[in-house]
Amino acid sequence: EIAIGLVGCERWEFEDLHGETRSIDLTPTIGVRLPSFILHTYTVRAEGSGHLVITNTLFDPDDPRTHDTYSLETFRELQRTERAGR
């Protein structure tokens, strides 16, 4: 995925499978590439903020095979598995 700030400001938080975290303020001059297995959330910091997300996968809400988003519980399990394999 690629997220591009369109208007306003949003705080984006990222966490990888190793528990490392980062954050950025997404603004109209900032874009970010989101690789696989990165948990990401955002909080609107300015009223009327917005962003555009470009993906490279087809998403059909009626077809679970196309869902590439993990619940927090599933992500935490992936982290446990990754850490156990180290």
PDB file of N, CA and C in Angstrom:
ATOM      1  N   GLU A   1       0.827  -1.174   0.000  1.00  0.00           N
ATOM      2  CA  GLU A   1       0.000   0.000   0.000  1.00  0.00           C
ATOM      3  C   GLU A   1       0.874   1.241   0.000  1.00  0.00           C
ATOM      4  N   ILE A   2       0.342   2.293  -0.550  1.00  0.00           N
ATOM      5  CA  ILE A   2       0.965   3.607  -0.480  1.00  0.00           C
ATOM      6  C   ILE A   2      -0.099   4.560   0.039  1.00  0.00           C
ATOM      7  N   ALA A   3       0.223   5.302   1.100  1.00  0.00           N
ATOM      8  CA  ALA A   3      -0.700   6.296   1.655  1.00  0.00           C
ATOM      9  C   ALA A   3      -0.130   7.675   1.380  1.00  0.00           C
ATOM     10  N   ILE A   4      -0.980   8.565   0.896  1.00  0.00           N
ATOM     11  CA  ILE A   4      -0.571   9.920   0.547  1.00  0.00           C
ATOM     12  C   ILE A   4      -1.504  10.894   1.258  1.00  0.00           C
ATOM     13  N   GLY A   5      -0.938  11.849   1.958  1.00  0.00           N
ATOM     14  CA  GLY A   5      -1.746  12.873   2.607  1.00  0.00           C
ATOM     15  C   GLY A   5      -2.359  13.799   1.571  1.00  0.00           C
ATOM     16  N   LEU A   6      -3.646  14.076   1.689  1.00  0.00           N
ATOM     17  CA  LEU A   6      -4.322  14.974   0.754  1.00  0.00           C
ATOM     18  C   LEU A   6      -4.609  16.339   1.360  1.00  0.00           C
ATOM     19  N   VAL A   7      -5.046  16.336   2.610  1.00  0.00           N
ATOM     20  CA  VAL A   7      -5.386  17.597   3.279  1.00  0.00           C
ATOM     21  C   VAL A   7      -5.285  17.390   4.784  1.00  0.00           C
ATOM     22  N   GLY A   8      -4.884  18.428   5.501  1.00  0.00           N
ATOM     23  CA  GLY A   8      -4.828  18.349   6.951  1.00  0.00           C
ATOM     24  C   GLY A   8      -3.621  17.582   7.451  1.00  0.00           C
ATOM     25  N   CYS A   9      -3.818  16.896   8.594  1.00  0.00           N
ATOM     26  CA  CYS A   9      -2.721  16.159   9.221  1.00  0.00           C
ATOM     27  C   CYS A   9      -3.286  14.966   9.971  1.00  0.00           C
ATOM     28  N   GLU A  10      -2.649  13.816   9.789  1.00  0.00           N
ATOM     29  CA  GLU A  10      -3.002  12.590  10.497  1.00  0.00           C
ATOM     30  C   GLU A  10      -1.727  11.995  11.085  1.00  0.00           C
ATOM     31  N   ARG A  11      -1.797  11.513  12.313  1.00  0.00           N
ATOM     32  CA  ARG A  11      -0.666  10.826  12.932  1.00  0.00           C
ATOM     33  C   ARG A  11      -0.803   9.345  12.628  1.00  0.00           C
ATOM     34  N   TRP A  12       0.162   8.771  11.907  1.00  0.00           N
ATOM     35  CA  TRP A  12       0.173   7.350  11.560  1.00  0.00           C
ATOM     36  C   TRP A  12       1.183   6.644  12.446  1.00  0.00           C
ATOM     37  N   GLU A  13       0.745   5.545  13.047  1.00  0.00           N
ATOM     38  CA  GLU A  13       1.580   4.712  13.912  1.00  0.00           C
ATOM     39  C   GLU A  13       1.798   3.369  13.223  1.00  0.00           C
ATOM     40  N   PHE A  14       3.025   2.876  13.276  1.00  0.00           N
ATOM     41  CA  PHE A  14       3.396   1.618  12.621  1.00  0.00           C
ATOM     42  C   PHE A  14       4.075   0.698  13.621  1.00  0.00           C
ATOM     43  N   GLU A  15       3.824  -0.606  13.476  1.00  0.00           N
ATOM     44  CA  GLU A  15       4.508  -1.606  14.299  1.00  0.00           C
ATOM     45  C   GLU A  15       4.806  -2.818  13.431  1.00  0.00           C
ATOM     46  N   ASP A  16       6.056  -3.313  13.502  1.00  0.00           N
ATOM     47  CA  ASP A  16       6.406  -4.486  12.705  1.00  0.00           C
ATOM     48  C   ASP A  16       6.309  -5.761  13.546  1.00  0.00           C
ATOM     49  N   LEU A  17       6.622  -6.893  12.944  1.00  0.00           N
ATOM     50  CA  LEU A  17       6.500  -8.175  13.633  1.00  0.00           C
ATOM     51  C   LEU A  17       7.463  -8.325  14.799  1.00  0.00           C
ATOM     52  N   HIS A  18       8.506  -7.501  14.840  1.00  0.00           N
ATOM     53  CA  HIS A  18       9.492  -7.568  15.916  1.00  0.00           C
ATOM     54  C   HIS A  18       9.154  -6.616  17.065  1.00  0.00           C
ATOM     55  N   GLY A  19       8.036  -5.893  16.935  1.00  0.00           N
ATOM     56  CA  GLY A  19       7.622  -4.958  17.973  1.00  0.00           C
ATOM     57  C   GLY A  19       8.199  -3.565  17.829  1.00  0.00           C
ATOM     58  N   GLU A  20       9.008  -3.348  16.785  1.00  0.00           N
ATOM     59  CA  GLU A  20       9.561  -2.012  16.545  1.00  0.00           C
ATOM     60  C   GLU A  20       8.446  -1.074  16.094  1.00  0.00           C
ATOM     61  N   THR A  21       8.445   0.156  16.607  1.00  0.00           N
ATOM     62  CA  THR A  21       7.394   1.116  16.266  1.00  0.00           C
ATOM     63  C   THR A  21       7.989   2.407  15.703  1.00  0.00           C
ATOM     64  N   ARG A  22       7.181   3.070  14.905  1.00  0.00           N
ATOM     65  CA  ARG A  22       7.503   4.391  14.352  1.00  0.00           C
ATOM     66  C   ARG A  22       6.206   5.145  14.174  1.00  0.00           C
ATOM     67  N   SER A  23       6.312   6.446  14.046  1.00  0.00           N
ATOM     68  CA  SER A  23       5.137   7.249  13.741  1.00  0.00           C
ATOM     69  C   SER A  23       5.539   8.407  12.837  1.00  0.00           C
ATOM     70  N   ILE A  24       4.584   8.877  12.058  1.00  0.00           N
ATOM     71  CA  ILE A  24       4.800  10.043  11.199  1.00  0.00           C
ATOM     72  C   ILE A  24       3.521  10.873  11.200  1.00  0.00           C
ATOM     73  N   ASP A  25       3.661  12.133  10.855  1.00  0.00           N
ATOM     74  CA  ASP A  25       2.504  12.970  10.578  1.00  0.00           C
ATOM     75  C   ASP A  25       2.321  12.987   9.070  1.00  0.00           C
ATOM     76  N   LEU A  26       1.212  12.436   8.612  1.00  0.00           N
ATOM     77  CA  LEU A  26       0.909  12.398   7.183  1.00  0.00           C
ATOM     78  C   LEU A  26       0.230  13.712   6.814  1.00  0.00           C
ATOM     79  N   THR A  27       0.865  14.469   5.934  1.00  0.00           N
ATOM     80  CA  THR A  27       0.364  15.764   5.477  1.00  0.00           C
ATOM     81  C   THR A  27       0.376  15.765   3.951  1.00  0.00           C
ATOM     82  N   PRO A  28      -0.143  16.826   3.333  1.00  0.00           N
ATOM     83  CA  PRO A  28      -0.144  16.848   1.857  1.00  0.00           C
ATOM     84  C   PRO A  28       1.240  16.789   1.215  1.00  0.00           C
ATOM     85  N   THR A  29       2.300  16.964   1.956  1.00  0.00           N
ATOM     86  CA  THR A  29       3.646  16.872   1.378  1.00  0.00           C
ATOM     87  C   THR A  29       4.307  15.539   1.694  1.00  0.00           C
ATOM     88  N   ILE A  30       3.580  14.632   2.357  1.00  0.00           N
ATOM     89  CA  ILE A  30       4.162  13.367   2.816  1.00  0.00           C
ATOM     90  C   ILE A  30       3.378  12.184   2.259  1.00  0.00           C
ATOM     91  N   GLY A  31       4.107  11.154   1.864  1.00  0.00           N
ATOM     92  CA  GLY A  31       3.518   9.877   1.491  1.00  0.00           C
ATOM     93  C   GLY A  31       4.346   8.773   2.131  1.00  0.00           C
ATOM     94  N   VAL A  32       3.760   7.599   2.265  1.00  0.00           N
ATOM     95  CA  VAL A  32       4.477   6.500   2.900  1.00  0.00           C
ATOM     96  C   VAL A  32       4.101   5.186   2.227  1.00  0.00           C
ATOM     97  N   ARG A  33       5.102   4.307   2.068  1.00  0.00           N
ATOM     98  CA  ARG A  33       4.857   2.958   1.540  1.00  0.00           C
ATOM     99  C   ARG A  33       4.708   2.023   2.721  1.00  0.00           C
ATOM    100  N   LEU A  34       3.661   1.208   2.688  1.00  0.00           N
ATOM    101  CA  LEU A  34       3.375   0.277   3.781  1.00  0.00           C
ATOM    102  C   LEU A  34       3.652  -1.146   3.314  1.00  0.00           C
ATOM    103  N   PRO A  35       4.789  -1.709   3.689  1.00  0.00           N
ATOM    104  CA  PRO A  35       5.076  -3.090   3.297  1.00  0.00           C
ATOM    105  C   PRO A  35       4.166  -4.069   4.042  1.00  0.00           C
ATOM    106  N   SER A  36       4.190  -5.297   3.632  1.00  0.00           N
ATOM    107  CA  SER A  36       3.404  -6.343   4.287  1.00  0.00           C
ATOM    108  C   SER A  36       3.828  -6.510   5.735  1.00  0.00           C
ATOM    109  N   PHE A  37       2.899  -6.975   6.559  1.00  0.00           N
ATOM    110  CA  PHE A  37       3.144  -7.302   7.958  1.00  0.00           C
ATOM    111  C   PHE A  37       3.523  -6.095   8.808  1.00  0.00           C
ATOM    112  N   ILE A  38       2.993  -4.926   8.455  1.00  0.00           N
ATOM    113  CA  ILE A  38       3.160  -3.727   9.271  1.00  0.00           C
ATOM    114  C   ILE A  38       1.777  -3.316   9.769  1.00  0.00           C
ATOM    115  N   LEU A  39       1.591  -3.383  11.078  1.00  0.00           N
ATOM    116  CA  LEU A  39       0.348  -2.931  11.674  1.00  0.00           C
ATOM    117  C   LEU A  39       0.336  -1.412  11.605  1.00  0.00           C
ATOM    118  N   HIS A  40      -0.747  -0.825  11.122  1.00  0.00           N
ATOM    119  CA  HIS A  40      -0.799   0.625  11.045  1.00  0.00           C
ATOM    120  C   HIS A  40      -2.173   1.141  11.464  1.00  0.00           C
ATOM    121  N   THR A  41      -2.136   2.239  12.192  1.00  0.00           N
ATOM    122  CA  THR A  41      -3.340   2.932  12.630  1.00  0.00           C
ATOM    123  C   THR A  41      -3.090   4.424  12.446  1.00  0.00           C
ATOM    124  N   TYR A  42      -4.158   5.178  12.400  1.00  0.00           N
ATOM    125  CA  TYR A  42      -3.961   6.621  12.302  1.00  0.00           C
ATOM    126  C   TYR A  42      -5.007   7.360  13.117  1.00  0.00           C
ATOM    127  N   THR A  43      -4.628   8.563  13.534  1.00  0.00           N
ATOM    128  CA  THR A  43      -5.488   9.456  14.290  1.00  0.00           C
ATOM    129  C   THR A  43      -5.513  10.795  13.576  1.00  0.00           C
ATOM    130  N   VAL A  44      -6.701  11.311  13.352  1.00  0.00           N
ATOM    131  CA  VAL A  44      -6.841  12.611  12.693  1.00  0.00           C
ATOM    132  C   VAL A  44      -6.415  13.701  13.669  1.00  0.00           C
ATOM    133  N   ARG A  45      -5.502  14.560  13.213  1.00  0.00           N
ATOM    134  CA  ARG A  45      -4.999  15.636  14.074  1.00  0.00           C
ATOM    135  C   ARG A  45      -5.564  16.998  13.694  1.00  0.00           C
ATOM    136  N   ALA A  46      -6.176  17.086  12.507  1.00  0.00           N
ATOM    137  CA  ALA A  46      -6.789  18.347  12.071  1.00  0.00           C
ATOM    138  C   ALA A  46      -8.127  18.026  11.414  1.00  0.00           C
ATOM    139  N   GLU A  47      -9.157  18.724  11.825  1.00  0.00           N
ATOM    140  CA  GLU A  47     -10.489  18.500  11.270  1.00  0.00           C
ATOM    141  C   GLU A  47     -10.461  18.628   9.748  1.00  0.00           C
ATOM    142  N   GLY A  48     -11.153  17.719   9.073  1.00  0.00           N
ATOM    143  CA  GLY A  48     -11.217  17.745   7.617  1.00  0.00           C
ATOM    144  C   GLY A  48     -10.048  17.060   6.933  1.00  0.00           C
ATOM    145  N   SER A  49      -9.183  16.383   7.704  1.00  0.00           N
ATOM    146  CA  SER A  49      -8.028  15.698   7.114  1.00  0.00           C
ATOM    147  C   SER A  49      -8.479  14.545   6.231  1.00  0.00           C
ATOM    148  N   GLY A  50      -7.629  14.210   5.271  1.00  0.00           N
ATOM    149  CA  GLY A  50      -7.926  13.086   4.397  1.00  0.00           C
ATOM    150  C   GLY A  50      -6.671  12.544   3.752  1.00  0.00           C
ATOM    151  N   HIS A  51      -6.767  11.299   3.285  1.00  0.00           N
ATOM    152  CA  HIS A  51      -5.629  10.660   2.627  1.00  0.00           C
ATOM    153  C   HIS A  51      -6.138   9.751   1.515  1.00  0.00           C
ATOM    154  N   LEU A  52      -5.228   9.369   0.662  1.00  0.00           N
ATOM    155  CA  LEU A  52      -5.489   8.441  -0.435  1.00  0.00           C
ATOM    156  C   LEU A  52      -4.614   7.220  -0.211  1.00  0.00           C
ATOM    157  N   VAL A  53      -5.194   6.026  -0.365  1.00  0.00           N
ATOM    158  CA  VAL A  53      -4.415   4.792  -0.251  1.00  0.00           C
ATOM    159  C   VAL A  53      -4.479   4.068  -1.591  1.00  0.00           C
ATOM    160  N   ILE A  54      -3.319   3.719  -2.105  1.00  0.00           N
ATOM    161  CA  ILE A  54      -3.208   2.962  -3.353  1.00  0.00           C
ATOM    162  C   ILE A  54      -2.738   1.563  -2.989  1.00  0.00           C
ATOM    163  N   THR A  55      -3.464   0.561  -3.475  1.00  0.00           N
ATOM    164  CA  THR A  55      -3.096  -0.824  -3.172  1.00  0.00           C
ATOM    165  C   THR A  55      -2.807  -1.572  -4.461  1.00  0.00           C
ATOM    166  N   ASN A  56      -2.166  -2.710  -4.326  1.00  0.00           N
ATOM    167  CA  ASN A  56      -1.867  -3.526  -5.502  1.00  0.00           C
ATOM    168  C   ASN A  56      -2.628  -4.841  -5.476  1.00  0.00           C
ATOM    169  N   THR A  57      -3.667  -4.916  -4.633  1.00  0.00           N
ATOM    170  CA  THR A  57      -4.461  -6.130  -4.564  1.00  0.00           C
ATOM    171  C   THR A  57      -5.933  -5.808  -4.775  1.00  0.00           C
ATOM    172  N   LEU A  58      -6.644  -6.757  -5.317  1.00  0.00           N
ATOM    173  CA  LEU A  58      -8.085  -6.642  -5.486  1.00  0.00           C
ATOM    174  C   LEU A  58      -8.749  -6.932  -4.152  1.00  0.00           C
ATOM    175  N   PHE A  59      -9.715  -6.124  -3.761  1.00  0.00           N
ATOM    176  CA  PHE A  59     -10.450  -6.357  -2.519  1.00  0.00           C
ATOM    177  C   PHE A  59     -11.926  -6.511  -2.840  1.00  0.00           C
ATOM    178  N   ASP A  60     -12.450  -7.668  -2.511  1.00  0.00           N
ATOM    179  CA  ASP A  60     -13.876  -7.940  -2.658  1.00  0.00           C
ATOM    180  C   ASP A  60     -14.417  -8.207  -1.262  1.00  0.00           C
ATOM    181  N   PRO A  61     -15.267  -7.323  -0.721  1.00  0.00           N
ATOM    182  CA  PRO A  61     -15.745  -7.513   0.648  1.00  0.00           C
ATOM    183  C   PRO A  61     -16.481  -8.826   0.868  1.00  0.00           C
ATOM    184  N   ASP A  62     -16.992  -9.437  -0.196  1.00  0.00           N
ATOM    185  CA  ASP A  62     -17.716 -10.699  -0.078  1.00  0.00           C
ATOM    186  C   ASP A  62     -16.828 -11.932  -0.251  1.00  0.00           C
ATOM    187  N   ASP A  63     -15.542 -11.733  -0.504  1.00  0.00           N
ATOM    188  CA  ASP A  63     -14.625 -12.853  -0.729  1.00  0.00           C
ATOM    189  C   ASP A  63     -13.463 -12.784   0.248  1.00  0.00           C
ATOM    190  N   PRO A  64     -13.507 -13.553   1.340  1.00  0.00           N
ATOM    191  CA  PRO A  64     -12.451 -13.504   2.351  1.00  0.00           C
ATOM    192  C   PRO A  64     -11.050 -13.781   1.806  1.00  0.00           C
ATOM    193  N   ARG A  65     -10.933 -14.476   0.674  1.00  0.00           N
ATOM    194  CA  ARG A  65      -9.608 -14.750   0.110  1.00  0.00           C
ATOM    195  C   ARG A  65      -8.894 -13.479  -0.313  1.00  0.00           C
ATOM    196  N   THR A  66      -9.643 -12.393  -0.539  1.00  0.00           N
ATOM    197  CA  THR A  66      -9.017 -11.140  -0.969  1.00  0.00           C
ATOM    198  C   THR A  66      -8.723 -10.202   0.194  1.00  0.00           C
ATOM    199  N   HIS A  67      -9.070 -10.594   1.409  1.00  0.00           N
ATOM    200  CA  HIS A  67      -8.855  -9.732   2.575  1.00  0.00           C
ATOM    201  C   HIS A  67      -7.413  -9.864   3.039  1.00  0.00           C
ATOM    202  N   ASP A  68      -6.662  -8.780   2.987  1.00  0.00           N
ATOM    203  CA  ASP A  68      -5.258  -8.815   3.398  1.00  0.00           C
ATOM    204  C   ASP A  68      -5.016  -7.953   4.633  1.00  0.00           C
ATOM    205  N   THR A  69      -6.056  -7.772   5.417  1.00  0.00           N
ATOM    206  CA  THR A  69      -5.963  -7.012   6.651  1.00  0.00           C
ATOM    207  C   THR A  69      -6.092  -7.974   7.818  1.00  0.00           C
ATOM    208  N   TYR A  70      -5.281  -7.760   8.830  1.00  0.00           N
ATOM    209  CA  TYR A  70      -5.292  -8.635   9.996  1.00  0.00           C
ATOM    210  C   TYR A  70      -5.966  -7.940  11.168  1.00  0.00           C
ATOM    211  N   SER A  71      -6.701  -8.714  11.956  1.00  0.00           N
ATOM    212  CA  SER A  71      -7.203  -8.191  13.223  1.00  0.00           C
ATOM    213  C   SER A  71      -6.000  -8.018  14.145  1.00  0.00           C
ATOM    214  N   LEU A  72      -6.160  -7.225  15.193  1.00  0.00           N
ATOM    215  CA  LEU A  72      -5.074  -7.045  16.149  1.00  0.00           C
ATOM    216  C   LEU A  72      -4.683  -8.381  16.765  1.00  0.00           C
ATOM    217  N   GLU A  73      -5.675  -9.215  17.061  1.00  0.00           N
ATOM    218  CA  GLU A  73      -5.399 -10.532  17.637  1.00  0.00           C
ATOM    219  C   GLU A  73      -4.549 -11.387  16.691  1.00  0.00           C
ATOM    220  N   THR A  74      -4.890 -11.403  15.413  1.00  0.00           N
ATOM    221  CA  THR A  74      -4.128 -12.175  14.428  1.00  0.00           C
ATOM    222  C   THR A  74      -2.717 -11.612  14.282  1.00  0.00           C
ATOM    223  N   PHE A  75      -2.585 -10.283  14.271  1.00  0.00           N
ATOM    224  CA  PHE A  75      -1.262  -9.668  14.165  1.00  0.00           C
ATOM    225  C   PHE A  75      -0.385 -10.047  15.358  1.00  0.00           C
ATOM    226  N   ARG A  76      -0.957 -10.005  16.559  1.00  0.00           N
ATOM    227  CA  ARG A  76      -0.190 -10.372  17.757  1.00  0.00           C
ATOM    228  C   ARG A  76       0.251 -11.836  17.685  1.00  0.00           C
ATOM    229  N   GLU A  77      -0.584 -12.704  17.147  1.00  0.00           N
ATOM    230  CA  GLU A  77      -0.204 -14.107  16.979  1.00  0.00           C
ATOM    231  C   GLU A  77       0.937 -14.243  15.967  1.00  0.00           C
ATOM    232  N   LEU A  78       0.887 -13.476  14.882  1.00  0.00           N
ATOM    233  CA  LEU A  78       1.995 -13.464  13.917  1.00  0.00           C
ATOM    234  C   LEU A  78       3.289 -13.011  14.599  1.00  0.00           C
ATOM    235  N   GLN A  79       3.200 -11.989  15.461  1.00  0.00           N
ATOM    236  CA  GLN A  79       4.378 -11.533  16.197  1.00  0.00           C
ATOM    237  C   GLN A  79       4.932 -12.639  17.086  1.00  0.00           C
ATOM    238  N   ARG A  80       4.054 -13.335  17.815  1.00  0.00           N
ATOM    239  CA  ARG A  80       4.512 -14.418  18.695  1.00  0.00           C
ATOM    240  C   ARG A  80       5.210 -15.503  17.887  1.00  0.00           C
ATOM    241  N   THR A  81       4.635 -15.844  16.739  1.00  0.00           N
ATOM    242  CA  THR A  81       5.236 -16.858  15.865  1.00  0.00           C
ATOM    243  C   THR A  81       6.593 -16.416  15.344  1.00  0.00           C
ATOM    244  N   GLU A  82       6.694 -15.147  14.950  1.00  0.00           N
ATOM    245  CA  GLU A  82       7.948 -14.599  14.432  1.00  0.00           C
ATOM    246  C   GLU A  82       9.024 -14.606  15.519  1.00  0.00           C
ATOM    247  N   ARG A  83       8.663 -14.183  16.701  1.00  0.00           N
ATOM    248  CA  ARG A  83       9.627 -14.135  17.806  1.00  0.00           C
ATOM    249  C   ARG A  83      10.068 -15.524  18.220  1.00  0.00           C
ATOM    250  N   ALA A  84       9.171 -16.501  18.179  1.00  0.00           N
ATOM    251  CA  ALA A  84       9.514 -17.876  18.548  1.00  0.00           C
ATOM    252  C   ALA A  84      10.467 -18.496  17.531  1.00  0.00           C
ATOM    253  N   GLY A  85      10.402 -18.026  16.278  1.00  0.00           N
ATOM    254  CA  GLY A  85      11.249 -18.571  15.221  1.00  0.00           C
ATOM    255  C   GLY A  85      12.637 -17.975  15.174  1.00  0.00           C
ATOM    256  N   ARG A  86      12.905 -16.978  15.983  1.00  0.00           N
ATOM    257  CA  ARG A  86      14.225 -16.319  15.974  1.00  0.00           C
ATOM    258  C   ARG A  86      15.293 -17.194  16.541  1.00  0.00           C
TER     259      ARG A  86
END
